[in-house]
Structure formats: C-alpha cells, structure tokens
Amino acid sequence: LLLDRRSALWRDRAVLTRVRPDAELLNAAAARLVGDHDFAGFSCASTDEKGTGSRVFYAVWAPWARGLAFRIGAARFLHKMVRCIVGASLELARGRSTLGAFEERLARPERRGEPVAPAAGLYLASVDYEPAPSWGPDCLPPWPML
C-alpha cells in the first residue's frame, strides 16, 4: 500500500510517497511482469534451489482511499521479490528510472535487488494450493487417516 499523505493510523502500515504516482505508468510496468520470467533482477536472493523463474498471473496498481495499492499473484515469490518490484516501480514513478530500464531489468536480471521498498504496507492476502489429486484405492494420501 502506498500513502499519498501523512496518516497517524497508517504510518507503519503503508509506504508514504507524498505525491500519488501515475497509476498508468506503474500499470504499464506491471503489465510487463505477467507471464513466465526470470525474476532474479527483482530478488535479493543470490541462489535459490528452485531457480529464479516464476509465473506471474496478474500485477496491477489500483487506487484506494489513501493512495495506490499494488496487487500481484504468482506461482511463487522469490526473496523480497514484491518489495523489489515496488521499489523499482517507485523509482520509475519518481522519474529516477525509465520504463525501458524496468523492462531491461526483467530481460537481463544481472542487477539484483535494489531498490527495495520498505516492508510497511506489504500484506499477504491469500495462498492458494493446487487441488489434491484424486486418491485412488492404490494410493493413500500423505497424511494419517483416522
């Protein structure tokens, strides 16, 4: 969550940006994230046993009463991946970076992690798991049956 003005109630629960960023610009960058990509450039982890690839299903910036909210859904998240994406998006919104640099970071993920947005305002909304397979008579589920 991004705040566009000070708030005593939201001070530690969202990131203060002072000015509402351009949602169209942020959504143009977020649209590039959808699909299968190597997200090493948006991660702080040096290695990951499962690799640095993931599939992003949706990524969108939407207005909320006090600023903007970033929503992202993916098959998996790398270490600090969302905070790195938000940090890069804020650099873009502040004019310190370009949409081309954002795309380059996704295409050539050599540069890792920076900038990282603060953890304030980061929320895990839900976790979905694939449905369990059909357990046939020859296959017992991996948990004890009572």
N, C-alpha and C. Protein backbone atom coordinates (compact mmCIF):
# COMPACT_ATOMS: atom_id res chain seq x y z
N LEU A 1 0.83 -1.18 0.00
CA LEU A 1 0.00 0.00 0.00
C LEU A 1 0.87 1.24 0.00
N LEU A 2 0.52 2.21 -0.83
CA LEU A 2 1.21 3.48 -0.88
C LEU A 2 0.28 4.58 -0.38
N LEU A 3 0.77 5.39 0.54
CA LEU A 3 0.02 6.55 1.05
C LEU A 3 0.42 7.78 0.26
N ASP A 4 -0.54 8.62 -0.06
CA ASP A 4 -0.20 9.87 -0.75
C ASP A 4 -0.24 11.07 0.20
N ARG A 5 -0.55 10.84 1.49
CA ARG A 5 -0.50 11.89 2.50
C ARG A 5 -0.26 11.24 3.87
N ARG A 6 0.27 12.02 4.78
CA ARG A 6 0.56 11.51 6.12
C ARG A 6 -0.70 11.02 6.82
N SER A 7 -0.51 9.98 7.61
CA SER A 7 -1.61 9.44 8.39
C SER A 7 -1.04 8.77 9.63
N ALA A 8 -1.51 9.19 10.80
CA ALA A 8 -1.05 8.58 12.05
C ALA A 8 -1.47 7.12 12.13
N LEU A 9 -2.64 6.79 11.62
CA LEU A 9 -3.13 5.42 11.69
C LEU A 9 -2.42 4.48 10.71
N TRP A 10 -1.98 5.02 9.57
CA TRP A 10 -1.38 4.18 8.53
C TRP A 10 0.15 4.29 8.48
N ARG A 11 0.74 5.09 9.38
CA ARG A 11 2.17 5.39 9.34
C ARG A 11 3.06 4.16 9.19
N ASP A 12 2.83 3.13 9.97
CA ASP A 12 3.66 1.93 9.91
C ASP A 12 3.03 0.80 9.11
N ARG A 13 1.90 1.09 8.46
CA ARG A 13 1.20 0.04 7.73
C ARG A 13 1.13 0.29 6.23
N ALA A 14 1.78 1.35 5.76
CA ALA A 14 1.84 1.68 4.33
C ALA A 14 3.05 2.57 4.10
N VAL A 15 3.45 2.70 2.85
CA VAL A 15 4.62 3.50 2.48
C VAL A 15 4.15 4.88 2.04
N LEU A 16 4.72 5.91 2.65
CA LEU A 16 4.36 7.29 2.31
C LEU A 16 5.11 7.72 1.06
N THR A 17 4.39 8.18 0.04
CA THR A 17 5.01 8.63 -1.20
C THR A 17 4.89 10.13 -1.39
N ARG A 18 4.11 10.80 -0.56
CA ARG A 18 3.89 12.24 -0.58
C ARG A 18 3.08 12.71 -1.79
N VAL A 19 3.31 12.16 -2.96
CA VAL A 19 2.55 12.52 -4.16
C VAL A 19 2.04 11.21 -4.77
N ARG A 20 0.80 11.20 -5.19
CA ARG A 20 0.25 9.99 -5.80
C ARG A 20 0.95 9.73 -7.13
N PRO A 21 1.62 8.59 -7.27
CA PRO A 21 2.29 8.26 -8.53
C PRO A 21 1.29 8.07 -9.67
N ASP A 22 1.77 8.18 -10.88
CA ASP A 22 0.95 7.99 -12.08
C ASP A 22 0.61 6.51 -12.21
N ALA A 23 -0.65 6.15 -11.96
CA ALA A 23 -1.08 4.76 -12.00
C ALA A 23 -0.93 4.15 -13.39
N GLU A 24 -1.13 4.95 -14.44
CA GLU A 24 -0.98 4.42 -15.80
C GLU A 24 0.45 3.99 -16.07
N LEU A 25 1.41 4.79 -15.65
CA LEU A 25 2.82 4.45 -15.83
C LEU A 25 3.18 3.20 -15.03
N LEU A 26 2.73 3.14 -13.78
CA LEU A 26 3.01 1.97 -12.95
C LEU A 26 2.35 0.71 -13.52
N ASN A 27 1.14 0.84 -14.05
CA ASN A 27 0.47 -0.31 -14.64
C ASN A 27 1.13 -0.75 -15.95
N ALA A 28 1.72 0.19 -16.68
CA ALA A 28 2.47 -0.18 -17.89
C ALA A 28 3.67 -1.04 -17.52
N ALA A 29 4.34 -0.69 -16.43
CA ALA A 29 5.47 -1.50 -15.96
C ALA A 29 4.98 -2.84 -15.42
N ALA A 30 3.92 -2.82 -14.63
CA ALA A 30 3.39 -4.05 -14.03
C ALA A 30 2.93 -5.04 -15.09
N ALA A 31 2.40 -4.56 -16.21
CA ALA A 31 1.93 -5.45 -17.28
C ALA A 31 3.08 -6.27 -17.85
N ARG A 32 4.29 -5.74 -17.80
CA ARG A 32 5.46 -6.48 -18.32
C ARG A 32 5.81 -7.66 -17.45
N LEU A 33 5.36 -7.68 -16.21
CA LEU A 33 5.69 -8.76 -15.28
C LEU A 33 4.86 -10.02 -15.51
N VAL A 34 3.70 -9.88 -16.13
CA VAL A 34 2.79 -11.01 -16.30
C VAL A 34 3.40 -12.03 -17.27
N GLY A 35 3.35 -13.29 -16.86
CA GLY A 35 3.88 -14.38 -17.68
C GLY A 35 5.05 -15.06 -16.98
N ASP A 36 5.74 -15.91 -17.73
CA ASP A 36 6.89 -16.64 -17.21
C ASP A 36 8.15 -15.83 -17.44
N HIS A 37 8.87 -15.52 -16.35
CA HIS A 37 10.09 -14.72 -16.45
C HIS A 37 11.11 -15.18 -15.42
N ASP A 38 12.35 -14.77 -15.64
CA ASP A 38 13.40 -14.92 -14.65
C ASP A 38 13.36 -13.65 -13.80
N PHE A 39 13.02 -13.79 -12.52
CA PHE A 39 12.86 -12.64 -11.64
C PHE A 39 14.08 -12.40 -10.76
N ALA A 40 15.24 -12.88 -11.17
CA ALA A 40 16.46 -12.67 -10.38
C ALA A 40 16.74 -11.18 -10.20
N GLY A 41 16.42 -10.35 -11.19
CA GLY A 41 16.63 -8.91 -11.09
C GLY A 41 15.71 -8.24 -10.11
N PHE A 42 14.67 -8.94 -9.70
CA PHE A 42 13.72 -8.41 -8.71
C PHE A 42 13.74 -9.28 -7.46
N SER A 43 14.93 -9.70 -7.05
CA SER A 43 15.08 -10.55 -5.89
C SER A 43 16.38 -10.22 -5.19
N CYS A 44 16.42 -10.45 -3.89
CA CYS A 44 17.64 -10.23 -3.12
C CYS A 44 18.38 -11.53 -2.85
N ALA A 45 17.82 -12.65 -3.26
CA ALA A 45 18.47 -13.93 -3.03
C ALA A 45 19.57 -14.16 -4.06
N SER A 46 20.71 -14.66 -3.59
CA SER A 46 21.80 -14.94 -4.52
C SER A 46 21.59 -16.29 -5.20
N THR A 47 21.02 -17.23 -4.48
CA THR A 47 20.73 -18.54 -5.06
C THR A 47 19.39 -19.02 -4.54
N ASP A 48 18.78 -19.86 -5.30
CA ASP A 48 17.51 -20.46 -4.92
C ASP A 48 17.49 -21.85 -5.50
N GLU A 49 17.24 -22.85 -4.69
CA GLU A 49 17.30 -24.23 -5.16
C GLU A 49 16.30 -24.52 -6.28
N LYS A 50 15.23 -23.75 -6.34
CA LYS A 50 14.24 -23.95 -7.39
C LYS A 50 14.47 -23.03 -8.58
N GLY A 51 15.56 -22.26 -8.55
CA GLY A 51 15.83 -21.32 -9.63
C GLY A 51 15.19 -19.98 -9.35
N THR A 52 15.25 -19.09 -10.33
CA THR A 52 14.73 -17.73 -10.15
C THR A 52 13.55 -17.45 -11.08
N GLY A 53 13.03 -18.47 -11.69
CA GLY A 53 11.88 -18.30 -12.58
C GLY A 53 10.58 -18.38 -11.81
N SER A 54 9.58 -17.71 -12.33
CA SER A 54 8.24 -17.79 -11.76
C SER A 54 7.23 -17.37 -12.82
N ARG A 55 5.99 -17.62 -12.54
CA ARG A 55 4.90 -17.20 -13.42
C ARG A 55 4.02 -16.22 -12.65
N VAL A 56 3.91 -15.01 -13.18
CA VAL A 56 3.04 -14.00 -12.58
C VAL A 56 1.71 -14.04 -13.33
N PHE A 57 0.63 -14.20 -12.60
CA PHE A 57 -0.70 -14.30 -13.18
C PHE A 57 -1.33 -12.92 -13.39
N TYR A 58 -1.09 -12.02 -12.44
CA TYR A 58 -1.59 -10.66 -12.58
C TYR A 58 -0.71 -9.73 -11.74
N ALA A 59 -0.61 -8.51 -12.18
CA ALA A 59 0.11 -7.46 -11.45
C ALA A 59 -0.57 -6.14 -11.83
N VAL A 60 -1.12 -5.46 -10.86
CA VAL A 60 -1.89 -4.25 -11.15
C VAL A 60 -1.81 -3.26 -9.98
N TRP A 61 -1.73 -1.99 -10.33
CA TRP A 61 -1.81 -0.90 -9.37
C TRP A 61 -3.23 -0.35 -9.43
N ALA A 62 -3.89 -0.25 -8.27
CA ALA A 62 -5.27 0.23 -8.23
C ALA A 62 -5.40 1.31 -7.15
N PRO A 63 -6.25 2.29 -7.38
CA PRO A 63 -6.45 3.32 -6.35
C PRO A 63 -7.18 2.76 -5.14
N TRP A 64 -6.83 3.27 -3.99
CA TRP A 64 -7.60 3.03 -2.77
C TRP A 64 -7.73 4.38 -2.07
N ALA A 65 -8.50 4.46 -1.03
CA ALA A 65 -8.87 5.75 -0.43
C ALA A 65 -7.69 6.64 -0.06
N ARG A 66 -6.54 6.07 0.25
CA ARG A 66 -5.41 6.87 0.73
C ARG A 66 -4.22 6.86 -0.22
N GLY A 67 -4.37 6.31 -1.42
CA GLY A 67 -3.25 6.27 -2.35
C GLY A 67 -3.41 5.20 -3.41
N LEU A 68 -2.39 4.35 -3.55
CA LEU A 68 -2.42 3.26 -4.51
C LEU A 68 -2.10 1.93 -3.82
N ALA A 69 -2.68 0.87 -4.35
CA ALA A 69 -2.40 -0.48 -3.85
C ALA A 69 -1.88 -1.31 -5.00
N PHE A 70 -0.83 -2.08 -4.75
CA PHE A 70 -0.27 -2.99 -5.74
C PHE A 70 -0.72 -4.39 -5.41
N ARG A 71 -1.30 -5.06 -6.38
CA ARG A 71 -1.75 -6.45 -6.20
C ARG A 71 -1.02 -7.31 -7.22
N ILE A 72 -0.48 -8.42 -6.73
CA ILE A 72 0.26 -9.33 -7.60
C ILE A 72 -0.04 -10.75 -7.18
N GLY A 73 -0.20 -11.62 -8.17
CA GLY A 73 -0.41 -13.04 -7.91
C GLY A 73 0.58 -13.82 -8.74
N ALA A 74 1.23 -14.80 -8.14
CA ALA A 74 2.24 -15.57 -8.85
C ALA A 74 2.27 -17.00 -8.35
N ALA A 75 2.89 -17.85 -9.14
CA ALA A 75 3.05 -19.25 -8.75
C ALA A 75 3.97 -19.37 -7.54
N ARG A 76 4.95 -18.47 -7.44
CA ARG A 76 5.86 -18.42 -6.30
C ARG A 76 6.52 -17.06 -6.27
N PHE A 77 7.01 -16.69 -5.10
CA PHE A 77 7.71 -15.42 -4.95
C PHE A 77 9.12 -15.67 -4.46
N LEU A 78 10.08 -14.99 -5.06
CA LEU A 78 11.45 -15.06 -4.61
C LEU A 78 11.63 -14.16 -3.38
N HIS A 79 12.79 -14.27 -2.74
CA HIS A 79 13.08 -13.48 -1.54
C HIS A 79 13.02 -11.98 -1.86
N LYS A 80 12.14 -11.27 -1.20
CA LYS A 80 11.91 -9.83 -1.36
C LYS A 80 11.50 -9.43 -2.79
N MET A 81 10.95 -10.35 -3.55
CA MET A 81 10.56 -10.06 -4.94
C MET A 81 9.55 -8.92 -5.05
N VAL A 82 8.51 -8.97 -4.24
CA VAL A 82 7.47 -7.93 -4.33
C VAL A 82 8.03 -6.58 -3.89
N ARG A 83 8.84 -6.58 -2.84
CA ARG A 83 9.43 -5.32 -2.38
C ARG A 83 10.38 -4.74 -3.42
N CYS A 84 11.09 -5.59 -4.14
CA CYS A 84 11.98 -5.11 -5.21
C CYS A 84 11.19 -4.56 -6.39
N ILE A 85 10.09 -5.22 -6.73
CA ILE A 85 9.23 -4.72 -7.82
C ILE A 85 8.65 -3.36 -7.44
N VAL A 86 8.16 -3.23 -6.21
CA VAL A 86 7.60 -1.95 -5.77
C VAL A 86 8.69 -0.88 -5.71
N GLY A 87 9.87 -1.24 -5.24
CA GLY A 87 10.97 -0.28 -5.20
C GLY A 87 11.34 0.23 -6.59
N ALA A 88 11.43 -0.68 -7.56
CA ALA A 88 11.72 -0.28 -8.94
C ALA A 88 10.58 0.54 -9.52
N SER A 89 9.35 0.22 -9.16
CA SER A 89 8.19 0.98 -9.63
C SER A 89 8.19 2.40 -9.06
N LEU A 90 8.58 2.54 -7.80
CA LEU A 90 8.66 3.87 -7.20
C LEU A 90 9.76 4.71 -7.84
N GLU A 91 10.87 4.09 -8.20
CA GLU A 91 11.93 4.80 -8.91
C GLU A 91 11.41 5.30 -10.26
N LEU A 92 10.63 4.47 -10.91
CA LEU A 92 10.01 4.85 -12.18
C LEU A 92 9.05 6.02 -11.98
N ALA A 93 8.22 5.94 -10.94
CA ALA A 93 7.24 6.99 -10.68
C ALA A 93 7.89 8.31 -10.30
N ARG A 94 9.04 8.25 -9.66
CA ARG A 94 9.75 9.47 -9.24
C ARG A 94 10.58 10.08 -10.36
N GLY A 95 10.63 9.39 -11.51
CA GLY A 95 11.40 9.90 -12.63
C GLY A 95 12.88 9.57 -12.55
N ARG A 96 13.28 8.72 -11.63
CA ARG A 96 14.68 8.32 -11.47
C ARG A 96 15.04 7.12 -12.36
N SER A 97 14.05 6.56 -13.01
CA SER A 97 14.25 5.41 -13.90
C SER A 97 13.25 5.54 -15.06
N THR A 98 13.39 4.65 -16.03
CA THR A 98 12.50 4.67 -17.19
C THR A 98 11.82 3.32 -17.34
N LEU A 99 10.77 3.31 -18.14
CA LEU A 99 10.08 2.05 -18.43
C LEU A 99 11.04 1.09 -19.14
N GLY A 100 11.90 1.63 -20.00
CA GLY A 100 12.89 0.81 -20.68
C GLY A 100 13.86 0.15 -19.71
N ALA A 101 14.27 0.87 -18.67
CA ALA A 101 15.18 0.30 -17.66
C ALA A 101 14.47 -0.79 -16.86
N PHE A 102 13.17 -0.59 -16.60
CA PHE A 102 12.38 -1.60 -15.90
C PHE A 102 12.32 -2.88 -16.73
N GLU A 103 12.04 -2.72 -18.03
CA GLU A 103 11.98 -3.88 -18.93
C GLU A 103 13.34 -4.56 -19.04
N GLU A 104 14.39 -3.76 -19.08
CA GLU A 104 15.75 -4.31 -19.17
C GLU A 104 16.09 -5.15 -17.94
N ARG A 105 15.66 -4.69 -16.80
CA ARG A 105 15.91 -5.43 -15.56
C ARG A 105 15.21 -6.78 -15.59
N LEU A 106 14.05 -6.83 -16.21
CA LEU A 106 13.33 -8.09 -16.33
C LEU A 106 13.97 -8.99 -17.38
N ALA A 107 14.43 -8.40 -18.48
CA ALA A 107 15.03 -9.17 -19.57
C ALA A 107 16.44 -9.66 -19.24
N ARG A 108 17.22 -8.81 -18.55
CA ARG A 108 18.60 -9.16 -18.18
C ARG A 108 18.76 -8.96 -16.67
N PRO A 109 18.48 -10.01 -15.92
CA PRO A 109 18.41 -9.87 -14.46
C PRO A 109 19.75 -9.92 -13.73
N GLU A 110 20.81 -9.32 -14.28
CA GLU A 110 22.10 -9.36 -13.60
C GLU A 110 22.10 -8.52 -12.33
N ARG A 111 21.49 -7.35 -12.38
CA ARG A 111 21.43 -6.46 -11.23
C ARG A 111 20.38 -6.98 -10.26
N ARG A 112 20.76 -7.18 -9.04
CA ARG A 112 19.83 -7.78 -8.08
C ARG A 112 19.34 -6.78 -7.05
N GLY A 113 18.07 -6.88 -6.77
CA GLY A 113 17.50 -6.35 -5.57
C GLY A 113 17.23 -4.88 -5.40
N GLU A 114 18.13 -4.03 -5.73
CA GLU A 114 17.94 -2.63 -5.36
C GLU A 114 17.16 -1.87 -6.39
N PRO A 115 16.36 -0.93 -5.99
CA PRO A 115 16.00 -0.56 -4.62
C PRO A 115 14.91 -1.47 -4.06
N VAL A 116 14.89 -1.60 -2.75
CA VAL A 116 13.91 -2.44 -2.06
C VAL A 116 12.96 -1.52 -1.30
N ALA A 117 11.68 -1.66 -1.55
CA ALA A 117 10.68 -0.87 -0.83
C ALA A 117 10.61 -1.33 0.62
N PRO A 118 10.23 -0.44 1.53
CA PRO A 118 10.08 -0.84 2.93
C PRO A 118 9.02 -1.93 3.09
N ALA A 119 9.13 -2.67 4.17
CA ALA A 119 8.16 -3.75 4.42
C ALA A 119 6.80 -3.22 4.85
N ALA A 120 6.75 -2.00 5.35
CA ALA A 120 5.46 -1.41 5.74
C ALA A 120 4.56 -1.39 4.52
N GLY A 121 3.37 -1.87 4.67
CA GLY A 121 2.43 -1.86 3.56
C GLY A 121 2.41 -3.16 2.76
N LEU A 122 3.26 -4.11 3.12
CA LEU A 122 3.29 -5.40 2.42
C LEU A 122 2.40 -6.38 3.16
N TYR A 123 1.43 -6.94 2.47
CA TYR A 123 0.49 -7.87 3.08
C TYR A 123 0.32 -9.10 2.21
N LEU A 124 0.27 -10.25 2.83
CA LEU A 124 -0.06 -11.49 2.14
C LEU A 124 -1.57 -11.66 2.26
N ALA A 125 -2.25 -11.56 1.13
CA ALA A 125 -3.71 -11.60 1.15
C ALA A 125 -4.26 -13.03 1.17
N SER A 126 -3.63 -13.93 0.42
CA SER A 126 -4.11 -15.30 0.40
C SER A 126 -3.07 -16.22 -0.22
N VAL A 127 -3.23 -17.49 0.07
CA VAL A 127 -2.38 -18.52 -0.51
C VAL A 127 -3.31 -19.58 -1.07
N ASP A 128 -3.10 -19.94 -2.31
CA ASP A 128 -3.89 -20.99 -2.94
C ASP A 128 -2.96 -22.15 -3.30
N TYR A 129 -3.44 -23.34 -3.08
CA TYR A 129 -2.69 -24.53 -3.45
C TYR A 129 -3.46 -25.27 -4.52
N GLU A 130 -2.74 -26.02 -5.33
CA GLU A 130 -3.42 -26.83 -6.34
C GLU A 130 -4.31 -27.84 -5.63
N PRO A 131 -5.42 -28.19 -6.24
CA PRO A 131 -6.28 -29.18 -5.59
C PRO A 131 -5.55 -30.51 -5.45
N ALA A 132 -5.85 -31.20 -4.38
CA ALA A 132 -5.22 -32.50 -4.15
C ALA A 132 -5.61 -33.48 -5.25
N PRO A 133 -4.69 -34.35 -5.62
CA PRO A 133 -5.03 -35.34 -6.64
C PRO A 133 -6.10 -36.29 -6.14
N SER A 134 -6.76 -36.94 -7.06
CA SER A 134 -7.76 -37.93 -6.68
C SER A 134 -7.03 -39.13 -6.09
N TRP A 135 -7.39 -39.45 -4.87
CA TRP A 135 -6.73 -40.59 -4.23
C TRP A 135 -7.48 -41.86 -4.59
N GLY A 136 -6.82 -42.74 -5.33
CA GLY A 136 -7.43 -43.99 -5.74
C GLY A 136 -7.21 -45.07 -4.70
N PRO A 137 -7.73 -46.25 -4.94
CA PRO A 137 -7.60 -47.33 -3.95
C PRO A 137 -6.15 -47.78 -3.77
N ASP A 138 -5.29 -47.55 -4.75
CA ASP A 138 -3.89 -47.96 -4.65
C ASP A 138 -2.98 -46.85 -4.11
N CYS A 139 -3.52 -45.71 -3.81
CA CYS A 139 -2.72 -44.56 -3.41
C CYS A 139 -3.31 -43.94 -2.16
N LEU A 140 -2.54 -43.92 -1.08
CA LEU A 140 -3.00 -43.31 0.15
C LEU A 140 -2.54 -41.86 0.21
N PRO A 141 -3.34 -40.99 0.82
CA PRO A 141 -2.92 -39.59 0.95
C PRO A 141 -1.70 -39.50 1.88
N PRO A 142 -0.93 -38.42 1.80
CA PRO A 142 0.30 -38.32 2.59
C PRO A 142 0.08 -37.96 4.06
N TRP A 143 -1.13 -37.99 4.54
CA TRP A 143 -1.38 -37.71 5.96
C TRP A 143 -2.08 -38.92 6.56
N PRO A 144 -1.99 -39.07 7.88
CA PRO A 144 -2.64 -40.23 8.52
C PRO A 144 -4.15 -40.18 8.37
N MET A 145 -4.72 -41.31 8.11
CA MET A 145 -6.17 -41.40 8.03
C MET A 145 -6.70 -41.87 9.36
N LEU A 146 -7.75 -41.21 9.84
CA LEU A 146 -8.33 -41.59 11.13
C LEU A 146 -9.57 -42.40 10.95
